[in-house]
Structures are given as structure tokens and as C-alpha cells.
Amino acid sequence: MKKYLFVCRYNIFRSPYSASWFSKYCKDHNIDAEVNSAGIAVEPGFDSETPITKSLVHWADRILVMEDYMKENIFEIFDLGKKRSIDVASLGIPDKFRPFVSDAAEIERMSAKEALEYLAKDADNPDFLFGKGLMNKILEANLDLILR
């Protein structure tokens, strides 16, 4: 059984949603996997819902972070130095996901590739937020990376 850990900043929206989505995907496709989520934030007053721990890092066979900077944070926080035996990959999902946001109607008709292009186009817009429809497409587009 392969163990997957999804990590975002606070473990409030992105990583728990991704872990839930992937757990369902594994169940639907008879993939033997254990899935968990955690947050990387260690800021005073802004602790994660479920903070990442060294035991979680070592528990996971594959760690999937939402943003690139989180990969390095994991190695720094847990003093892993240049040891890259821990399998960490970035999904490139910005902190713009809110499960209560209604996506534009055209999202449903987009392919996974088109959804990634749509996200890339608007990710730097400070007012841009996206909901479950686009998040599902982004996760679908990243399945090869997740399952690797």
C-alpha cells in the first residue's frame, strides 16, 4: 500500500480537499493507497489545522505539496539537508481555492489541460478565486504526477 501526504499552507482547503478527492479516486479505481493531509505553516497565531510532523514526512511514500516553495520548507523544517530520498513533488496549485466559490460555467466543459491554462492565466490576479470544479480538473490534470 502506497502512502500519500498532501500538504498546503494551513491544511484548511487545498490539501484536505485534494486528499479527499484522491482517496475517492483510489477507491473508484481499486488503487490500494492510504491518504492524509497536513499544513506546513509555522507562523505564530496561524498554525495549521493538522500540522506536518517529522513522523508524517517519514510515513509518506509520496508527498504532494501545493506550491514549489513548500518542497524546500519541508527539507529545512525537518533538517533533512540535501538528502532527497524523500519523494516530494509540487502540484502548482496556488492559494486561491475556496470550496464555497462557484466556478464559471465554462469550467465544466474544459479539458484538464485547458483548466491548467485557465489557472495559469488568472493565478496572479489578487481577486481570482476558484472552486471545486476547477480544483477537480487541476487534480485530474496532475494524476500522472500524483501516482508516480
Protein backbone atom coordinates (compact mmCIF):
# COMPACT_ATOMS: atom_id res chain seq x y z
CA MET A 1 0.00 0.00 0.00
CA LYS A 2 1.41 3.37 -1.02
CA LYS A 3 1.02 6.29 1.39
CA TYR A 4 0.32 9.79 0.05
CA LEU A 5 0.56 13.04 2.01
CA PHE A 6 -0.97 16.22 0.56
CA VAL A 7 0.45 19.43 2.02
CA CYS A 8 -0.70 23.05 1.77
CA ARG A 9 -0.12 26.06 3.99
CA TYR A 10 -2.79 25.65 6.68
CA ASN A 11 -4.47 22.34 5.80
CA ILE A 12 -7.81 24.09 5.57
CA PHE A 13 -8.81 23.97 1.88
CA ARG A 14 -6.33 22.67 -0.69
CA SER A 15 -4.66 19.66 0.92
CA PRO A 16 -7.72 18.22 2.71
CA TYR A 17 -9.78 18.60 -0.46
CA SER A 18 -7.02 17.03 -2.58
CA ALA A 19 -6.64 14.15 -0.14
CA SER A 20 -10.39 13.52 -0.13
CA TRP A 21 -10.58 13.71 -3.95
CA PHE A 22 -7.63 11.35 -4.34
CA SER A 23 -8.98 8.89 -1.74
CA LYS A 24 -12.20 8.66 -3.74
CA TYR A 25 -10.24 8.28 -6.97
CA CYS A 26 -8.23 5.41 -5.46
CA LYS A 27 -11.36 3.69 -4.17
CA ASP A 28 -13.13 4.07 -7.54
CA HIS A 29 -10.10 2.67 -9.40
CA ASN A 30 -9.16 -0.10 -6.94
CA ILE A 31 -5.84 1.50 -6.02
CA ASP A 32 -4.51 0.40 -2.65
CA ALA A 33 -3.48 3.68 -1.02
CA GLU A 34 -3.53 5.46 2.30
CA VAL A 35 -4.03 9.23 2.06
CA ASN A 36 -3.51 12.02 4.57
CA SER A 37 -3.12 15.80 4.59
CA ALA A 38 -1.23 18.38 6.63
CA GLY A 39 -0.29 22.05 6.72
CA ILE A 40 3.20 23.50 6.64
CA ALA A 41 2.53 26.86 8.36
CA VAL A 42 4.54 27.50 11.49
CA GLU A 43 3.61 31.15 11.96
CA PRO A 44 2.65 32.39 15.42
CA GLY A 45 -1.12 32.64 15.61
CA PHE A 46 -1.63 30.91 12.26
CA ASP A 47 -0.98 27.27 12.99
CA SER A 48 -2.17 24.61 10.60
CA GLU A 49 -5.34 22.64 11.27
CA THR A 50 -3.18 19.50 11.12
CA PRO A 51 0.49 20.49 11.18
CA ILE A 52 3.04 18.48 9.26
CA THR A 53 5.32 16.47 11.53
CA LYS A 54 8.53 14.54 11.03
CA SER A 55 6.62 11.31 11.59
CA LEU A 56 4.15 12.25 8.81
CA VAL A 57 7.04 13.10 6.48
CA HIS A 58 8.63 9.71 7.14
CA TRP A 59 5.27 7.92 7.00
CA ALA A 60 4.59 9.06 3.43
CA ASP A 61 5.89 7.33 0.34
CA ARG A 62 4.93 10.37 -1.73
CA ILE A 63 4.46 13.95 -0.52
CA LEU A 64 2.49 16.28 -2.76
CA VAL A 65 2.83 19.96 -1.93
CA MET A 66 0.60 22.61 -3.41
CA GLU A 67 3.35 25.15 -4.20
CA ASP A 68 7.06 24.86 -5.07
CA TYR A 69 8.37 26.73 -2.01
CA MET A 70 6.82 24.07 0.24
CA LYS A 71 9.24 21.42 -1.03
CA GLU A 72 12.24 23.32 0.32
CA ASN A 73 10.37 24.19 3.52
CA ILE A 74 9.90 20.50 4.27
CA PHE A 75 13.63 19.84 3.91
CA GLU A 76 14.51 22.90 6.03
CA ILE A 77 11.91 22.44 8.78
CA PHE A 78 12.88 18.83 9.34
CA ASP A 79 16.62 19.40 8.86
CA LEU A 80 16.81 16.93 6.00
CA GLY A 81 19.64 18.87 4.34
CA LYS A 82 20.41 17.73 0.83
CA LYS A 83 19.03 14.25 1.46
CA ARG A 84 16.49 13.86 -1.32
CA SER A 85 15.42 10.31 -0.61
CA ILE A 86 12.04 11.65 0.46
CA ASP A 87 9.76 11.81 -2.59
CA VAL A 88 8.28 15.33 -2.75
CA ALA A 89 6.50 16.82 -5.79
CA SER A 90 4.72 20.12 -6.35
CA LEU A 91 1.24 20.25 -7.89
CA GLY A 92 1.50 24.00 -8.56
CA ILE A 93 -1.87 24.88 -7.03
CA PRO A 94 -1.92 28.47 -5.74
CA ASP A 95 -3.70 29.50 -2.56
CA LYS A 96 -6.77 30.62 -4.49
CA PHE A 97 -9.01 27.59 -3.93
CA ARG A 98 -12.15 28.06 -1.87
CA PRO A 99 -14.64 25.15 -1.87
CA PHE A 100 -17.58 27.53 -1.43
CA VAL A 101 -16.77 29.55 -4.60
CA SER A 102 -18.91 28.85 -7.66
CA ASP A 103 -16.78 28.37 -10.75
CA ALA A 104 -17.69 29.84 -14.12
CA ALA A 105 -19.99 27.59 -16.16
CA GLU A 106 -17.34 27.04 -18.83
CA ILE A 107 -15.13 25.14 -16.33
CA GLU A 108 -17.31 22.03 -16.65
CA ARG A 109 -16.69 21.90 -20.40
CA MET A 110 -12.91 22.36 -20.13
CA SER A 111 -10.41 19.58 -20.52
CA ALA A 112 -7.91 19.12 -17.71
CA LYS A 113 -5.23 20.77 -19.88
CA GLU A 114 -7.48 23.77 -20.59
CA ALA A 115 -8.18 24.09 -16.87
CA LEU A 116 -4.44 24.34 -16.14
CA GLU A 117 -4.10 27.05 -18.80
CA TYR A 118 -7.08 28.91 -17.32
CA LEU A 119 -5.50 28.73 -13.86
CA ALA A 120 -2.11 29.94 -15.12
CA LYS A 121 -3.73 32.91 -16.85
CA ASP A 122 -5.54 34.17 -13.73
CA ALA A 123 -3.41 32.92 -10.81
CA ASP A 124 -1.64 36.26 -10.29
CA ASN A 125 -4.90 38.24 -10.19
CA PRO A 126 -5.40 39.11 -6.48
CA ASP A 127 -9.18 38.87 -6.87
CA PHE A 128 -9.13 35.46 -8.56
CA LEU A 129 -10.52 32.55 -6.54
CA PHE A 130 -11.65 29.17 -7.80
CA GLY A 131 -13.93 26.42 -6.56
CA LYS A 132 -14.34 22.66 -6.66
CA GLY A 133 -14.95 22.40 -10.41
CA LEU A 134 -11.58 23.86 -11.34
CA MET A 135 -9.83 22.10 -8.45
CA ASN A 136 -11.14 18.73 -9.69
CA LYS A 137 -9.82 19.49 -13.18
CA ILE A 138 -6.42 20.53 -11.80
CA LEU A 139 -6.13 17.32 -9.76
CA GLU A 140 -7.20 15.27 -12.77
CA ALA A 141 -4.51 17.01 -14.87
CA ASN A 142 -1.92 16.13 -12.20
CA LEU A 143 -2.85 12.44 -11.82
CA ASP A 144 0.33 11.18 -13.52
CA LEU A 145 2.43 13.31 -11.17
CA ILE A 146 0.44 12.18 -8.11
CA LEU A 147 0.59 8.48 -8.97
CA ARG A 148 4.26 8.47 -9.97
